[in-house]
Amino acid sequence: MAVGKTAWNERIKLLAGLFQSAATTSFAVGLLAPMAAKVYSSGGIDAVPLGFAAAWLGAVVLFHGVAQIILARLRD
């Protein structure tokens, strides 16, 4: 079944929004939460490992990049 241009664009924006939400969640879970745990803990966490933070930051960049690629498929 053929999908109209407006419906196509809305589906593309919805999919891009999903990936952008994944990027935001990855940032919160992988970077902000460990830093907050370090600040508010009474000696539990020493430091956020650099490799751990780099992996989560990589996921953020990847998800955001995929969202940008998806948005490039919008129709005029």
PDB file of N, CA and C in Angstrom:
ATOM      1  N   MET A   1       0.842  -1.180   0.000  1.00  0.00           N
ATOM      2  CA  MET A   1       0.000   0.000   0.000  1.00  0.00           C
ATOM      3  C   MET A   1       0.889   1.245   0.000  1.00  0.00           C
ATOM      4  N   ALA A   2       0.607   2.135  -0.886  1.00  0.00           N
ATOM      5  CA  ALA A   2       1.394   3.367  -0.995  1.00  0.00           C
ATOM      6  C   ALA A   2       1.097   4.284   0.188  1.00  0.00           C
ATOM      7  N   VAL A   3       2.156   4.876   0.700  1.00  0.00           N
ATOM      8  CA  VAL A   3       2.034   5.792   1.831  1.00  0.00           C
ATOM      9  C   VAL A   3       2.240   7.201   1.307  1.00  0.00           C
ATOM     10  N   GLY A   4       1.379   8.131   1.729  1.00  0.00           N
ATOM     11  CA  GLY A   4       1.514   9.515   1.301  1.00  0.00           C
ATOM     12  C   GLY A   4       2.777  10.154   1.854  1.00  0.00           C
ATOM     13  N   LYS A   5       3.164  11.280   1.250  1.00  0.00           N
ATOM     14  CA  LYS A   5       4.391  11.976   1.647  1.00  0.00           C
ATOM     15  C   LYS A   5       4.332  12.425   3.106  1.00  0.00           C
ATOM     16  N   THR A   6       3.199  12.948   3.532  1.00  0.00           N
ATOM     17  CA  THR A   6       3.073  13.416   4.910  1.00  0.00           C
ATOM     18  C   THR A   6       3.184  12.264   5.895  1.00  0.00           C
ATOM     19  N   ALA A   7       2.512  11.161   5.589  1.00  0.00           N
ATOM     20  CA  ALA A   7       2.581   9.985   6.474  1.00  0.00           C
ATOM     21  C   ALA A   7       4.006   9.442   6.516  1.00  0.00           C
ATOM     22  N   TRP A   8       4.666   9.402   5.366  1.00  0.00           N
ATOM     23  CA  TRP A   8       6.057   8.937   5.297  1.00  0.00           C
ATOM     24  C   TRP A   8       6.956   9.799   6.189  1.00  0.00           C
ATOM     25  N   ASN A   9       6.822  11.112   6.047  1.00  0.00           N
ATOM     26  CA  ASN A   9       7.646  12.019   6.838  1.00  0.00           C
ATOM     27  C   ASN A   9       7.386  11.865   8.331  1.00  0.00           C
ATOM     28  N   GLU A  10       6.140  11.670   8.714  1.00  0.00           N
ATOM     29  CA  GLU A  10       5.823  11.490  10.131  1.00  0.00           C
ATOM     30  C   GLU A  10       6.421  10.189  10.668  1.00  0.00           C
ATOM     31  N   ARG A  11       6.397   9.143   9.867  1.00  0.00           N
ATOM     32  CA  ARG A  11       7.009   7.877  10.290  1.00  0.00           C
ATOM     33  C   ARG A  11       8.514   8.020  10.439  1.00  0.00           C
ATOM     34  N   ILE A  12       9.126   8.732   9.517  1.00  0.00           N
ATOM     35  CA  ILE A  12      10.571   8.966   9.581  1.00  0.00           C
ATOM     36  C   ILE A  12      10.914   9.774  10.828  1.00  0.00           C
ATOM     37  N   LYS A  13      10.130  10.814  11.112  1.00  0.00           N
ATOM     38  CA  LYS A  13      10.387  11.627  12.302  1.00  0.00           C
ATOM     39  C   LYS A  13      10.188  10.821  13.579  1.00  0.00           C
ATOM     40  N   LEU A  14       9.210   9.933  13.581  1.00  0.00           N
ATOM     41  CA  LEU A  14       8.983   9.078  14.749  1.00  0.00           C
ATOM     42  C   LEU A  14      10.172   8.138  14.976  1.00  0.00           C
ATOM     43  N   LEU A  15      10.689   7.549  13.917  1.00  0.00           N
ATOM     44  CA  LEU A  15      11.843   6.659  14.024  1.00  0.00           C
ATOM     45  C   LEU A  15      13.087   7.430  14.471  1.00  0.00           C
ATOM     46  N   ALA A  16      13.296   8.612  13.921  1.00  0.00           N
ATOM     47  CA  ALA A  16      14.437   9.436  14.330  1.00  0.00           C
ATOM     48  C   ALA A  16      14.303   9.835  15.796  1.00  0.00           C
ATOM     49  N   GLY A  17      13.090  10.129  16.234  1.00  0.00           N
ATOM     50  CA  GLY A  17      12.848  10.465  17.636  1.00  0.00           C
ATOM     51  C   GLY A  17      13.169   9.311  18.560  1.00  0.00           C
ATOM     52  N   LEU A  18      12.895   8.088  18.107  1.00  0.00           N
ATOM     53  CA  LEU A  18      13.233   6.902  18.895  1.00  0.00           C
ATOM     54  C   LEU A  18      14.739   6.827  19.114  1.00  0.00           C
ATOM     55  N   PHE A  19      15.508   7.032  18.065  1.00  0.00           N
ATOM     56  CA  PHE A  19      16.965   6.981  18.204  1.00  0.00           C
ATOM     57  C   PHE A  19      17.501   8.143  19.026  1.00  0.00           C
ATOM     58  N   GLN A  20      16.881   9.312  18.900  1.00  0.00           N
ATOM     59  CA  GLN A  20      17.316  10.445  19.709  1.00  0.00           C
ATOM     60  C   GLN A  20      17.011  10.197  21.184  1.00  0.00           C
ATOM     61  N   SER A  21      15.876   9.558  21.471  1.00  0.00           N
ATOM     62  CA  SER A  21      15.554   9.195  22.859  1.00  0.00           C
ATOM     63  C   SER A  21      16.554   8.187  23.404  1.00  0.00           C
ATOM     64  N   ALA A  22      16.974   7.253  22.570  1.00  0.00           N
ATOM     65  CA  ALA A  22      17.986   6.285  22.988  1.00  0.00           C
ATOM     66  C   ALA A  22      19.304   6.993  23.293  1.00  0.00           C
ATOM     67  N   ALA A  23      19.642   8.014  22.508  1.00  0.00           N
ATOM     68  CA  ALA A  23      20.871   8.781  22.764  1.00  0.00           C
ATOM     69  C   ALA A  23      20.772   9.513  24.098  1.00  0.00           C
ATOM     70  N   THR A  24      19.641  10.137  24.359  1.00  0.00           N
ATOM     71  CA  THR A  24      19.453  10.872  25.603  1.00  0.00           C
ATOM     72  C   THR A  24      19.494   9.934  26.807  1.00  0.00           C
ATOM     73  N   THR A  25      18.853   8.791  26.684  1.00  0.00           N
ATOM     74  CA  THR A  25      18.848   7.816  27.767  1.00  0.00           C
ATOM     75  C   THR A  25      20.253   7.274  28.016  1.00  0.00           C
ATOM     76  N   SER A  26      20.988   7.010  26.956  1.00  0.00           N
ATOM     77  CA  SER A  26      22.364   6.523  27.106  1.00  0.00           C
ATOM     78  C   SER A  26      23.225   7.551  27.832  1.00  0.00           C
ATOM     79  N   PHE A  27      23.025   8.812  27.522  1.00  0.00           N
ATOM     80  CA  PHE A  27      23.771   9.869  28.194  1.00  0.00           C
ATOM     81  C   PHE A  27      23.435   9.905  29.683  1.00  0.00           C
ATOM     82  N   ALA A  28      22.146   9.806  29.995  1.00  0.00           N
ATOM     83  CA  ALA A  28      21.728   9.867  31.397  1.00  0.00           C
ATOM     84  C   ALA A  28      22.204   8.658  32.190  1.00  0.00           C
ATOM     85  N   VAL A  29      22.050   7.472  31.616  1.00  0.00           N
ATOM     86  CA  VAL A  29      22.400   6.248  32.335  1.00  0.00           C
ATOM     87  C   VAL A  29      23.907   6.028  32.397  1.00  0.00           C
ATOM     88  N   GLY A  30      24.597   6.299  31.300  1.00  0.00           N
ATOM     89  CA  GLY A  30      26.012   5.977  31.234  1.00  0.00           C
ATOM     90  C   GLY A  30      26.944   7.055  31.727  1.00  0.00           C
ATOM     91  N   LEU A  31      26.512   8.301  31.700  1.00  0.00           N
ATOM     92  CA  LEU A  31      27.411   9.385  32.090  1.00  0.00           C
ATOM     93  C   LEU A  31      26.911  10.163  33.307  1.00  0.00           C
ATOM     94  N   LEU A  32      25.685  10.628  33.266  1.00  0.00           N
ATOM     95  CA  LEU A  32      25.193  11.448  34.366  1.00  0.00           C
ATOM     96  C   LEU A  32      25.000  10.651  35.661  1.00  0.00           C
ATOM     97  N   ALA A  33      24.403   9.469  35.557  1.00  0.00           N
ATOM     98  CA  ALA A  33      24.133   8.676  36.770  1.00  0.00           C
ATOM     99  C   ALA A  33      25.417   8.282  37.505  1.00  0.00           C
ATOM    100  N   PRO A  34      26.452   7.792  36.828  1.00  0.00           N
ATOM    101  CA  PRO A  34      27.683   7.473  37.561  1.00  0.00           C
ATOM    102  C   PRO A  34      28.344   8.704  38.192  1.00  0.00           C
ATOM    103  N   MET A  35      28.276   9.844  37.505  1.00  0.00           N
ATOM    104  CA  MET A  35      28.852  11.054  38.090  1.00  0.00           C
ATOM    105  C   MET A  35      28.058  11.497  39.320  1.00  0.00           C
ATOM    106  N   ALA A  36      26.741  11.394  39.246  1.00  0.00           N
ATOM    107  CA  ALA A  36      25.916  11.749  40.402  1.00  0.00           C
ATOM    108  C   ALA A  36      26.170  10.783  41.551  1.00  0.00           C
ATOM    109  N   ALA A  37      26.349   9.508  41.240  1.00  0.00           N
ATOM    110  CA  ALA A  37      26.639   8.526  42.288  1.00  0.00           C
ATOM    111  C   ALA A  37      27.964   8.848  42.964  1.00  0.00           C
ATOM    112  N   LYS A  38      28.940   9.304  42.187  1.00  0.00           N
ATOM    113  CA  LYS A  38      30.233   9.671  42.770  1.00  0.00           C
ATOM    114  C   LYS A  38      30.087  10.882  43.690  1.00  0.00           C
ATOM    115  N   VAL A  39      29.329  11.860  43.257  1.00  0.00           N
ATOM    116  CA  VAL A  39      29.162  13.077  44.047  1.00  0.00           C
ATOM    117  C   VAL A  39      28.404  12.798  45.338  1.00  0.00           C
ATOM    118  N   TYR A  40      27.359  11.988  45.259  1.00  0.00           N
ATOM    119  CA  TYR A  40      26.481  11.802  46.406  1.00  0.00           C
ATOM    120  C   TYR A  40      26.793  10.568  47.247  1.00  0.00           C
ATOM    121  N   SER A  41      27.769   9.753  46.846  1.00  0.00           N
ATOM    122  CA  SER A  41      28.074   8.566  47.640  1.00  0.00           C
ATOM    123  C   SER A  41      29.030   8.931  48.761  1.00  0.00           C
ATOM    124  N   SER A  42      28.994   8.136  49.793  1.00  0.00           N
ATOM    125  CA  SER A  42      29.873   8.400  50.942  1.00  0.00           C
ATOM    126  C   SER A  42      31.082   7.474  50.901  1.00  0.00           C
ATOM    127  N   GLY A  43      31.712   7.369  49.754  1.00  0.00           N
ATOM    128  CA  GLY A  43      32.927   6.574  49.647  1.00  0.00           C
ATOM    129  C   GLY A  43      32.768   5.302  48.852  1.00  0.00           C
ATOM    130  N   GLY A  44      31.628   5.105  48.193  1.00  0.00           N
ATOM    131  CA  GLY A  44      31.403   3.871  47.437  1.00  0.00           C
ATOM    132  C   GLY A  44      32.141   3.843  46.116  1.00  0.00           C
ATOM    133  N   ILE A  45      31.988   4.882  45.313  1.00  0.00           N
ATOM    134  CA  ILE A  45      32.570   4.918  43.979  1.00  0.00           C
ATOM    135  C   ILE A  45      33.742   5.888  43.982  1.00  0.00           C
ATOM    136  N   ASP A  46      34.890   5.414  43.513  1.00  0.00           N
ATOM    137  CA  ASP A  46      36.069   6.278  43.436  1.00  0.00           C
ATOM    138  C   ASP A  46      35.996   7.214  42.239  1.00  0.00           C
ATOM    139  N   ALA A  47      35.886   6.628  41.062  1.00  0.00           N
ATOM    140  CA  ALA A  47      35.838   7.421  39.843  1.00  0.00           C
ATOM    141  C   ALA A  47      35.104   6.636  38.771  1.00  0.00           C
ATOM    142  N   VAL A  48      34.590   7.340  37.818  1.00  0.00           N
ATOM    143  CA  VAL A  48      33.965   6.686  36.679  1.00  0.00           C
ATOM    144  C   VAL A  48      35.084   6.254  35.740  1.00  0.00           C
ATOM    145  N   PRO A  49      35.192   4.946  35.452  1.00  0.00           N
ATOM    146  CA  PRO A  49      36.267   4.493  34.565  1.00  0.00           C
ATOM    147  C   PRO A  49      36.170   5.159  33.191  1.00  0.00           C
ATOM    148  N   LEU A  50      37.297   5.558  32.662  1.00  0.00           N
ATOM    149  CA  LEU A  50      37.334   6.279  31.395  1.00  0.00           C
ATOM    150  C   LEU A  50      36.778   5.431  30.246  1.00  0.00           C
ATOM    151  N   GLY A  51      37.109   4.151  30.228  1.00  0.00           N
ATOM    152  CA  GLY A  51      36.601   3.275  29.170  1.00  0.00           C
ATOM    153  C   GLY A  51      35.093   3.142  29.219  1.00  0.00           C
ATOM    154  N   PHE A  52      34.546   3.065  30.422  1.00  0.00           N
ATOM    155  CA  PHE A  52      33.098   2.975  30.613  1.00  0.00           C
ATOM    156  C   PHE A  52      32.425   4.234  30.075  1.00  0.00           C
ATOM    157  N   ALA A  53      32.946   5.393  30.457  1.00  0.00           N
ATOM    158  CA  ALA A  53      32.372   6.656  30.007  1.00  0.00           C
ATOM    159  C   ALA A  53      32.520   6.813  28.491  1.00  0.00           C
ATOM    160  N   ALA A  54      33.651   6.396  27.944  1.00  0.00           N
ATOM    161  CA  ALA A  54      33.882   6.507  26.503  1.00  0.00           C
ATOM    162  C   ALA A  54      32.920   5.619  25.721  1.00  0.00           C
ATOM    163  N   ALA A  55      32.650   4.422  26.233  1.00  0.00           N
ATOM    164  CA  ALA A  55      31.716   3.510  25.559  1.00  0.00           C
ATOM    165  C   ALA A  55      30.311   4.107  25.532  1.00  0.00           C
ATOM    166  N   TRP A  56      29.876   4.659  26.645  1.00  0.00           N
ATOM    167  CA  TRP A  56      28.543   5.263  26.689  1.00  0.00           C
ATOM    168  C   TRP A  56      28.476   6.503  25.812  1.00  0.00           C
ATOM    169  N   LEU A  57      29.536   7.298  25.813  1.00  0.00           N
ATOM    170  CA  LEU A  57      29.558   8.482  24.954  1.00  0.00           C
ATOM    171  C   LEU A  57      29.535   8.065  23.482  1.00  0.00           C
ATOM    172  N   GLY A  58      30.225   6.988  23.163  1.00  0.00           N
ATOM    173  CA  GLY A  58      30.177   6.457  21.801  1.00  0.00           C
ATOM    174  C   GLY A  58      28.776   6.036  21.403  1.00  0.00           C
ATOM    175  N   ALA A  59      28.045   5.427  22.339  1.00  0.00           N
ATOM    176  CA  ALA A  59      26.656   5.036  22.067  1.00  0.00           C
ATOM    177  C   ALA A  59      25.789   6.261  21.821  1.00  0.00           C
ATOM    178  N   VAL A  60      26.018   7.313  22.601  1.00  0.00           N
ATOM    179  CA  VAL A  60      25.266   8.562  22.415  1.00  0.00           C
ATOM    180  C   VAL A  60      25.497   9.118  21.015  1.00  0.00           C
ATOM    181  N   VAL A  61      26.750   9.189  20.614  1.00  0.00           N
ATOM    182  CA  VAL A  61      27.098   9.730  19.294  1.00  0.00           C
ATOM    183  C   VAL A  61      26.526   8.840  18.190  1.00  0.00           C
ATOM    184  N   LEU A  62      26.600   7.534  18.359  1.00  0.00           N
ATOM    185  CA  LEU A  62      26.070   6.603  17.365  1.00  0.00           C
ATOM    186  C   LEU A  62      24.564   6.774  17.199  1.00  0.00           C
ATOM    187  N   PHE A  63      23.828   6.770  18.304  1.00  0.00           N
ATOM    188  CA  PHE A  63      22.373   6.914  18.223  1.00  0.00           C
ATOM    189  C   PHE A  63      21.980   8.252  17.599  1.00  0.00           C
ATOM    190  N   HIS A  64      22.675   9.312  17.979  1.00  0.00           N
ATOM    191  CA  HIS A  64      22.363  10.626  17.418  1.00  0.00           C
ATOM    192  C   HIS A  64      22.681  10.665  15.919  1.00  0.00           C
ATOM    193  N   GLY A  65      23.786  10.049  15.539  1.00  0.00           N
ATOM    194  CA  GLY A  65      24.147   9.992  14.122  1.00  0.00           C
ATOM    195  C   GLY A  65      23.135   9.221  13.296  1.00  0.00           C
ATOM    196  N   VAL A  66      22.645   8.116  13.842  1.00  0.00           N
ATOM    197  CA  VAL A  66      21.620   7.337  13.135  1.00  0.00           C
ATOM    198  C   VAL A  66      20.356   8.177  12.970  1.00  0.00           C
ATOM    199  N   ALA A  67      19.990   8.922  14.011  1.00  0.00           N
ATOM    200  CA  ALA A  67      18.809   9.794  13.909  1.00  0.00           C
ATOM    201  C   ALA A  67      18.989  10.819  12.792  1.00  0.00           C
ATOM    202  N   GLN A  68      20.183  11.379  12.662  1.00  0.00           N
ATOM    203  CA  GLN A  68      20.443  12.348  11.602  1.00  0.00           C
ATOM    204  C   GLN A  68      20.357  11.699  10.215  1.00  0.00           C
ATOM    205  N   ILE A  69      20.866  10.490  10.097  1.00  0.00           N
ATOM    206  CA  ILE A  69      20.804   9.775   8.818  1.00  0.00           C
ATOM    207  C   ILE A  69      19.360   9.474   8.448  1.00  0.00           C
ATOM    208  N   ILE A  70      18.574   9.074   9.426  1.00  0.00           N
ATOM    209  CA  ILE A  70      17.165   8.783   9.172  1.00  0.00           C
ATOM    210  C   ILE A  70      16.423  10.036   8.723  1.00  0.00           C
ATOM    211  N   LEU A  71      16.712  11.176   9.385  1.00  0.00           N
ATOM    212  CA  LEU A  71      16.032  12.418   9.018  1.00  0.00           C
ATOM    213  C   LEU A  71      16.376  12.860   7.587  1.00  0.00           C
ATOM    214  N   ALA A  72      17.501  12.411   7.081  1.00  0.00           N
ATOM    215  CA  ALA A  72      17.875  12.766   5.704  1.00  0.00           C
ATOM    216  C   ALA A  72      16.941  12.103   4.691  1.00  0.00           C
ATOM    217  N   ARG A  73      16.142  11.146   5.124  1.00  0.00           N
ATOM    218  CA  ARG A  73      15.217  10.448   4.223  1.00  0.00           C
ATOM    219  C   ARG A  73      13.857  11.140   4.111  1.00  0.00           C
ATOM    220  N   LEU A  74      13.713  12.295   4.748  1.00  0.00           N
ATOM    221  CA  LEU A  74      12.450  13.043   4.627  1.00  0.00           C
ATOM    222  C   LEU A  74      12.229  13.442   3.180  1.00  0.00           C
ATOM    223  N   ARG A  75      10.978  13.436   2.773  1.00  0.00           N
ATOM    224  CA  ARG A  75      10.633  13.802   1.396  1.00  0.00           C
ATOM    225  C   ARG A  75      10.135  15.242   1.332  1.00  0.00           C
ATOM    226  N   ASP A  76      10.499  15.906   0.268  1.00  0.00           N
ATOM    227  CA  ASP A  76      10.038  17.295   0.065  1.00  0.00           C
ATOM    228  C   ASP A  76       8.660  17.319  -0.539  1.00  0.00           C
TER     229      ASP A  76
END
